[in-house]
Amino acid sequence: MKVEAIQNIEQKPVELAGATATKMRMLVGPADGAGNFHMRHFEVAPGGHTPHHQHDYEHEILILKGEGEAKSEQGARRFRAGDVIWVPPNELHQFVNTGPTPLEFICLIPAPKDCSR
């Protein structure tokens, strides 16, 4: 079992092409032996965004703080703290911080078979 304060987990810049002012913490992942799911914490500075991208797995997201827009093939939808977002596999998506404070969210993904993503 792991019990750890989120502030004690290393936060790294997201270096994927198209990401701006975005940082991530791997809360539960390969280093913990998590073989089914990975839990990540993202922080996006005001005006920042995640890359506009797609992949073959779904996301489950819980917005902790801030507000923004979720951009997808269906258009842009506003969200705020307390909202839940589900992104199906292969859907183009991006999260943009449109507010004056940092946007923070938890993102769950299936553990990749090779655990290198």
N, C-alpha and C. Protein backbone atom coordinates (compact mmCIF):
# COMPACT_ATOMS: atom_id res chain seq x y z
N MET A 1 0.85 -1.19 0.00
CA MET A 1 0.00 0.00 0.00
C MET A 1 0.89 1.24 0.00
N LYS A 2 0.43 2.26 -0.70
CA LYS A 2 1.16 3.53 -0.75
C LYS A 2 0.27 4.61 -0.14
N VAL A 3 0.82 5.38 0.76
CA VAL A 3 0.16 6.56 1.30
C VAL A 3 1.20 7.66 1.28
N GLU A 4 0.94 8.70 0.50
CA GLU A 4 1.94 9.76 0.34
C GLU A 4 1.26 11.08 0.01
N ALA A 5 1.76 12.16 0.54
CA ALA A 5 1.23 13.49 0.23
C ALA A 5 1.55 13.84 -1.22
N ILE A 6 0.59 14.39 -1.91
CA ILE A 6 0.77 14.73 -3.32
C ILE A 6 1.97 15.67 -3.52
N GLN A 7 2.22 16.57 -2.58
CA GLN A 7 3.32 17.52 -2.69
C GLN A 7 4.68 16.82 -2.64
N ASN A 8 4.73 15.62 -2.11
CA ASN A 8 6.00 14.88 -2.02
C ASN A 8 6.34 14.13 -3.29
N ILE A 9 5.42 14.10 -4.25
CA ILE A 9 5.65 13.38 -5.50
C ILE A 9 6.19 14.36 -6.53
N GLU A 10 7.27 13.97 -7.19
CA GLU A 10 7.94 14.86 -8.13
C GLU A 10 7.01 15.32 -9.25
N GLN A 11 7.05 16.62 -9.51
CA GLN A 11 6.27 17.22 -10.58
C GLN A 11 7.22 17.56 -11.73
N LYS A 12 6.87 17.14 -12.95
CA LYS A 12 7.73 17.37 -14.11
C LYS A 12 6.96 18.11 -15.19
N PRO A 13 7.66 18.93 -15.97
CA PRO A 13 6.99 19.59 -17.11
C PRO A 13 6.54 18.54 -18.13
N VAL A 14 5.39 18.78 -18.74
CA VAL A 14 4.94 17.93 -19.85
C VAL A 14 5.66 18.43 -21.09
N GLU A 15 6.45 17.57 -21.69
CA GLU A 15 7.29 17.98 -22.81
C GLU A 15 6.78 17.48 -24.15
N LEU A 16 5.53 17.03 -24.22
CA LEU A 16 4.95 16.61 -25.48
C LEU A 16 4.73 17.82 -26.38
N ALA A 17 4.93 17.65 -27.67
CA ALA A 17 4.70 18.75 -28.62
C ALA A 17 3.28 19.27 -28.46
N GLY A 18 3.14 20.57 -28.38
CA GLY A 18 1.83 21.20 -28.26
C GLY A 18 1.40 21.51 -26.84
N ALA A 19 2.13 21.03 -25.84
CA ALA A 19 1.80 21.33 -24.45
C ALA A 19 2.46 22.65 -24.07
N THR A 20 1.73 23.47 -23.32
CA THR A 20 2.23 24.76 -22.86
C THR A 20 1.91 24.92 -21.39
N ALA A 21 2.92 25.25 -20.58
CA ALA A 21 2.74 25.58 -19.16
C ALA A 21 1.97 24.49 -18.42
N THR A 22 2.33 23.22 -18.68
CA THR A 22 1.66 22.07 -18.07
C THR A 22 2.68 21.20 -17.36
N LYS A 23 2.33 20.79 -16.13
CA LYS A 23 3.19 19.91 -15.33
C LYS A 23 2.39 18.67 -14.92
N MET A 24 3.11 17.57 -14.66
CA MET A 24 2.45 16.33 -14.28
C MET A 24 3.18 15.63 -13.14
N ARG A 25 2.39 14.99 -12.28
CA ARG A 25 2.91 14.09 -11.26
C ARG A 25 2.32 12.71 -11.54
N MET A 26 3.15 11.68 -11.55
CA MET A 26 2.67 10.30 -11.64
C MET A 26 2.38 9.86 -10.21
N LEU A 27 1.12 9.92 -9.82
CA LEU A 27 0.73 9.60 -8.45
C LEU A 27 0.84 8.12 -8.16
N VAL A 28 0.34 7.32 -9.07
CA VAL A 28 0.44 5.87 -8.97
C VAL A 28 0.77 5.36 -10.37
N GLY A 29 1.87 4.63 -10.49
CA GLY A 29 2.28 4.19 -11.82
C GLY A 29 3.24 3.03 -11.78
N PRO A 30 4.08 2.94 -12.81
CA PRO A 30 5.00 1.80 -12.93
C PRO A 30 5.91 1.62 -11.72
N ALA A 31 6.40 2.71 -11.15
CA ALA A 31 7.32 2.61 -10.00
C ALA A 31 6.63 1.99 -8.78
N ASP A 32 5.30 2.07 -8.76
CA ASP A 32 4.53 1.50 -7.64
C ASP A 32 4.08 0.07 -7.93
N GLY A 33 4.35 -0.41 -9.13
CA GLY A 33 3.90 -1.74 -9.52
C GLY A 33 2.45 -1.78 -9.96
N ALA A 34 1.87 -0.61 -10.28
CA ALA A 34 0.47 -0.56 -10.70
C ALA A 34 0.34 -1.17 -12.09
N GLY A 35 -0.32 -2.31 -12.17
CA GLY A 35 -0.42 -3.03 -13.42
C GLY A 35 -1.71 -2.83 -14.18
N ASN A 36 -2.70 -2.21 -13.57
CA ASN A 36 -3.99 -2.02 -14.24
C ASN A 36 -4.29 -0.58 -14.61
N PHE A 37 -4.00 0.35 -13.69
CA PHE A 37 -4.30 1.76 -13.93
C PHE A 37 -3.13 2.63 -13.48
N HIS A 38 -3.03 3.80 -14.10
CA HIS A 38 -2.08 4.82 -13.65
C HIS A 38 -2.89 6.07 -13.31
N MET A 39 -2.53 6.68 -12.18
CA MET A 39 -3.18 7.90 -11.73
C MET A 39 -2.18 9.04 -11.83
N ARG A 40 -2.60 10.09 -12.55
CA ARG A 40 -1.71 11.23 -12.76
C ARG A 40 -2.39 12.52 -12.30
N HIS A 41 -1.59 13.47 -11.85
CA HIS A 41 -2.07 14.79 -11.44
C HIS A 41 -1.46 15.81 -12.40
N PHE A 42 -2.31 16.61 -13.02
CA PHE A 42 -1.84 17.65 -13.93
C PHE A 42 -2.11 19.02 -13.34
N GLU A 43 -1.20 19.94 -13.60
CA GLU A 43 -1.37 21.34 -13.24
C GLU A 43 -1.06 22.17 -14.48
N VAL A 44 -2.03 22.98 -14.88
CA VAL A 44 -1.89 23.82 -16.08
C VAL A 44 -1.99 25.27 -15.64
N ALA A 45 -0.96 26.05 -15.94
CA ALA A 45 -0.93 27.47 -15.57
C ALA A 45 -1.98 28.25 -16.38
N PRO A 46 -2.41 29.41 -15.87
CA PRO A 46 -3.34 30.23 -16.64
C PRO A 46 -2.82 30.46 -18.06
N GLY A 47 -3.68 30.25 -19.04
CA GLY A 47 -3.30 30.40 -20.44
C GLY A 47 -2.64 29.17 -21.03
N GLY A 48 -2.29 28.19 -20.21
CA GLY A 48 -1.62 26.98 -20.69
C GLY A 48 -2.60 25.94 -21.19
N HIS A 49 -2.05 24.87 -21.78
CA HIS A 49 -2.90 23.80 -22.29
C HIS A 49 -2.09 22.51 -22.47
N THR A 50 -2.82 21.42 -22.47
CA THR A 50 -2.23 20.12 -22.79
C THR A 50 -2.13 20.03 -24.32
N PRO A 51 -1.40 19.05 -24.85
CA PRO A 51 -1.34 18.93 -26.30
C PRO A 51 -2.70 18.51 -26.88
N HIS A 52 -2.94 18.89 -28.12
CA HIS A 52 -4.12 18.43 -28.84
C HIS A 52 -3.73 17.10 -29.45
N HIS A 53 -4.25 16.01 -28.91
CA HIS A 53 -3.76 14.69 -29.29
C HIS A 53 -4.84 13.63 -29.15
N GLN A 54 -4.49 12.41 -29.54
CA GLN A 54 -5.38 11.27 -29.37
C GLN A 54 -4.54 10.02 -29.15
N HIS A 55 -5.16 9.00 -28.60
CA HIS A 55 -4.49 7.72 -28.36
C HIS A 55 -5.55 6.65 -28.23
N ASP A 56 -5.12 5.40 -28.18
CA ASP A 56 -6.06 4.28 -28.23
C ASP A 56 -6.63 3.86 -26.88
N TYR A 57 -6.52 4.69 -25.87
CA TYR A 57 -7.09 4.37 -24.56
C TYR A 57 -7.92 5.54 -24.05
N GLU A 58 -8.84 5.23 -23.16
CA GLU A 58 -9.71 6.26 -22.59
C GLU A 58 -9.04 6.98 -21.42
N HIS A 59 -9.62 8.12 -21.05
CA HIS A 59 -9.23 8.88 -19.86
C HIS A 59 -10.45 9.04 -18.97
N GLU A 60 -10.24 9.01 -17.68
CA GLU A 60 -11.24 9.45 -16.71
C GLU A 60 -10.59 10.60 -15.96
N ILE A 61 -11.28 11.73 -15.88
CA ILE A 61 -10.67 12.95 -15.34
C ILE A 61 -11.60 13.57 -14.30
N LEU A 62 -10.99 14.04 -13.20
CA LEU A 62 -11.70 14.77 -12.16
C LEU A 62 -11.03 16.13 -12.02
N ILE A 63 -11.78 17.20 -12.24
CA ILE A 63 -11.25 18.55 -12.12
C ILE A 63 -11.25 18.93 -10.64
N LEU A 64 -10.05 19.21 -10.11
CA LEU A 64 -9.89 19.55 -8.70
C LEU A 64 -9.99 21.04 -8.44
N LYS A 65 -9.31 21.84 -9.28
CA LYS A 65 -9.26 23.30 -9.09
C LYS A 65 -9.26 23.97 -10.45
N GLY A 66 -9.81 25.18 -10.48
CA GLY A 66 -9.75 25.99 -11.68
C GLY A 66 -10.91 25.74 -12.63
N GLU A 67 -10.70 26.25 -13.86
CA GLU A 67 -11.72 26.16 -14.89
C GLU A 67 -11.04 26.14 -16.25
N GLY A 68 -11.79 25.71 -17.25
CA GLY A 68 -11.19 25.67 -18.57
C GLY A 68 -12.14 25.18 -19.62
N GLU A 69 -11.54 24.78 -20.75
CA GLU A 69 -12.28 24.24 -21.88
C GLU A 69 -11.69 22.89 -22.26
N ALA A 70 -12.57 21.94 -22.50
CA ALA A 70 -12.17 20.65 -23.04
C ALA A 70 -12.50 20.70 -24.53
N LYS A 71 -11.48 20.65 -25.36
CA LYS A 71 -11.68 20.69 -26.80
C LYS A 71 -11.66 19.28 -27.35
N SER A 72 -12.63 18.97 -28.21
CA SER A 72 -12.72 17.64 -28.79
C SER A 72 -13.32 17.75 -30.19
N GLU A 73 -13.54 16.62 -30.80
CA GLU A 73 -14.13 16.58 -32.14
C GLU A 73 -15.55 17.14 -32.13
N GLN A 74 -16.20 17.15 -30.97
CA GLN A 74 -17.56 17.70 -30.86
C GLN A 74 -17.56 19.20 -30.54
N GLY A 75 -16.40 19.82 -30.46
CA GLY A 75 -16.30 21.23 -30.14
C GLY A 75 -15.72 21.43 -28.75
N ALA A 76 -15.79 22.66 -28.26
CA ALA A 76 -15.24 23.01 -26.94
C ALA A 76 -16.37 23.02 -25.92
N ARG A 77 -16.07 22.47 -24.74
CA ARG A 77 -17.04 22.47 -23.64
C ARG A 77 -16.36 23.00 -22.39
N ARG A 78 -17.04 23.90 -21.71
CA ARG A 78 -16.51 24.51 -20.49
C ARG A 78 -16.58 23.51 -19.34
N PHE A 79 -15.62 23.62 -18.41
CA PHE A 79 -15.64 22.81 -17.20
C PHE A 79 -15.09 23.63 -16.05
N ARG A 80 -15.32 23.13 -14.83
CA ARG A 80 -14.82 23.80 -13.62
C ARG A 80 -14.60 22.75 -12.54
N ALA A 81 -14.03 23.19 -11.42
CA ALA A 81 -13.75 22.29 -10.30
C ALA A 81 -15.01 21.51 -9.92
N GLY A 82 -14.83 20.21 -9.71
CA GLY A 82 -15.94 19.34 -9.36
C GLY A 82 -16.51 18.59 -10.54
N ASP A 83 -16.16 18.97 -11.77
CA ASP A 83 -16.67 18.29 -12.96
C ASP A 83 -15.86 17.02 -13.24
N VAL A 84 -16.52 16.08 -13.88
CA VAL A 84 -15.92 14.82 -14.32
C VAL A 84 -15.96 14.79 -15.84
N ILE A 85 -14.87 14.35 -16.44
CA ILE A 85 -14.77 14.27 -17.91
C ILE A 85 -14.36 12.86 -18.28
N TRP A 86 -15.00 12.31 -19.31
CA TRP A 86 -14.60 11.02 -19.86
C TRP A 86 -14.23 11.25 -21.33
N VAL A 87 -13.04 10.81 -21.71
CA VAL A 87 -12.58 10.91 -23.09
C VAL A 87 -12.46 9.49 -23.63
N PRO A 88 -13.26 9.15 -24.66
CA PRO A 88 -13.17 7.80 -25.22
C PRO A 88 -11.89 7.59 -26.01
N PRO A 89 -11.54 6.33 -26.26
CA PRO A 89 -10.33 6.04 -27.05
C PRO A 89 -10.39 6.71 -28.43
N ASN A 90 -9.25 7.14 -28.90
CA ASN A 90 -9.05 7.69 -30.24
C ASN A 90 -9.74 9.02 -30.51
N GLU A 91 -10.27 9.68 -29.48
CA GLU A 91 -10.88 11.00 -29.68
C GLU A 91 -9.82 12.08 -29.51
N LEU A 92 -9.71 12.99 -30.48
CA LEU A 92 -8.82 14.14 -30.34
C LEU A 92 -9.30 14.97 -29.16
N HIS A 93 -8.37 15.39 -28.30
CA HIS A 93 -8.78 16.16 -27.13
C HIS A 93 -7.64 17.05 -26.65
N GLN A 94 -8.03 18.09 -25.92
CA GLN A 94 -7.08 19.05 -25.34
C GLN A 94 -7.79 19.75 -24.19
N PHE A 95 -7.02 20.07 -23.14
CA PHE A 95 -7.57 20.79 -22.00
C PHE A 95 -6.85 22.13 -21.90
N VAL A 96 -7.63 23.21 -21.87
CA VAL A 96 -7.10 24.57 -21.88
C VAL A 96 -7.53 25.27 -20.60
N ASN A 97 -6.58 25.90 -19.91
CA ASN A 97 -6.90 26.69 -18.73
C ASN A 97 -7.34 28.07 -19.19
N THR A 98 -8.61 28.38 -18.99
CA THR A 98 -9.15 29.69 -19.38
C THR A 98 -9.33 30.61 -18.18
N GLY A 99 -8.95 30.14 -17.00
CA GLY A 99 -9.16 30.92 -15.79
C GLY A 99 -7.93 31.65 -15.31
N PRO A 100 -8.08 32.41 -14.22
CA PRO A 100 -6.98 33.21 -13.69
C PRO A 100 -6.07 32.47 -12.71
N THR A 101 -6.43 31.23 -12.37
CA THR A 101 -5.65 30.45 -11.40
C THR A 101 -5.24 29.12 -12.04
N PRO A 102 -4.28 28.41 -11.43
CA PRO A 102 -3.90 27.11 -11.98
C PRO A 102 -5.09 26.15 -12.07
N LEU A 103 -5.11 25.38 -13.13
CA LEU A 103 -6.07 24.30 -13.34
C LEU A 103 -5.41 23.02 -12.85
N GLU A 104 -6.09 22.28 -11.99
CA GLU A 104 -5.55 21.01 -11.51
C GLU A 104 -6.57 19.91 -11.73
N PHE A 105 -6.09 18.77 -12.23
CA PHE A 105 -6.99 17.63 -12.41
C PHE A 105 -6.26 16.31 -12.24
N ILE A 106 -7.04 15.31 -11.86
CA ILE A 106 -6.58 13.93 -11.75
C ILE A 106 -7.00 13.24 -13.04
N CYS A 107 -6.09 12.45 -13.61
CA CYS A 107 -6.37 11.73 -14.84
C CYS A 107 -6.00 10.26 -14.64
N LEU A 108 -6.94 9.38 -14.90
CA LEU A 108 -6.70 7.94 -14.83
C LEU A 108 -6.63 7.38 -16.24
N ILE A 109 -5.65 6.50 -16.46
CA ILE A 109 -5.51 5.81 -17.73
C ILE A 109 -5.23 4.33 -17.45
N PRO A 110 -5.52 3.46 -18.42
CA PRO A 110 -5.10 2.07 -18.23
C PRO A 110 -3.59 1.99 -18.29
N ALA A 111 -3.03 1.10 -17.52
CA ALA A 111 -1.57 0.93 -17.54
C ALA A 111 -1.17 0.35 -18.89
N PRO A 112 -0.25 1.00 -19.59
CA PRO A 112 0.22 0.43 -20.86
C PRO A 112 0.85 -0.94 -20.61
N LYS A 113 0.75 -1.80 -21.59
CA LYS A 113 1.31 -3.15 -21.45
C LYS A 113 2.79 -3.12 -21.14
N ASP A 114 3.51 -2.14 -21.73
CA ASP A 114 4.94 -2.06 -21.49
C ASP A 114 5.29 -1.05 -20.39
N CYS A 115 4.27 -0.35 -19.85
CA CYS A 115 4.44 0.64 -18.76
C CYS A 115 5.48 1.72 -19.08
N SER A 116 5.70 2.03 -20.35
CA SER A 116 6.70 3.04 -20.69
C SER A 116 6.07 4.36 -21.09
N ARG A 117 4.73 4.46 -21.16
CA ARG A 117 4.09 5.71 -21.56
C ARG A 117 3.90 6.63 -20.38
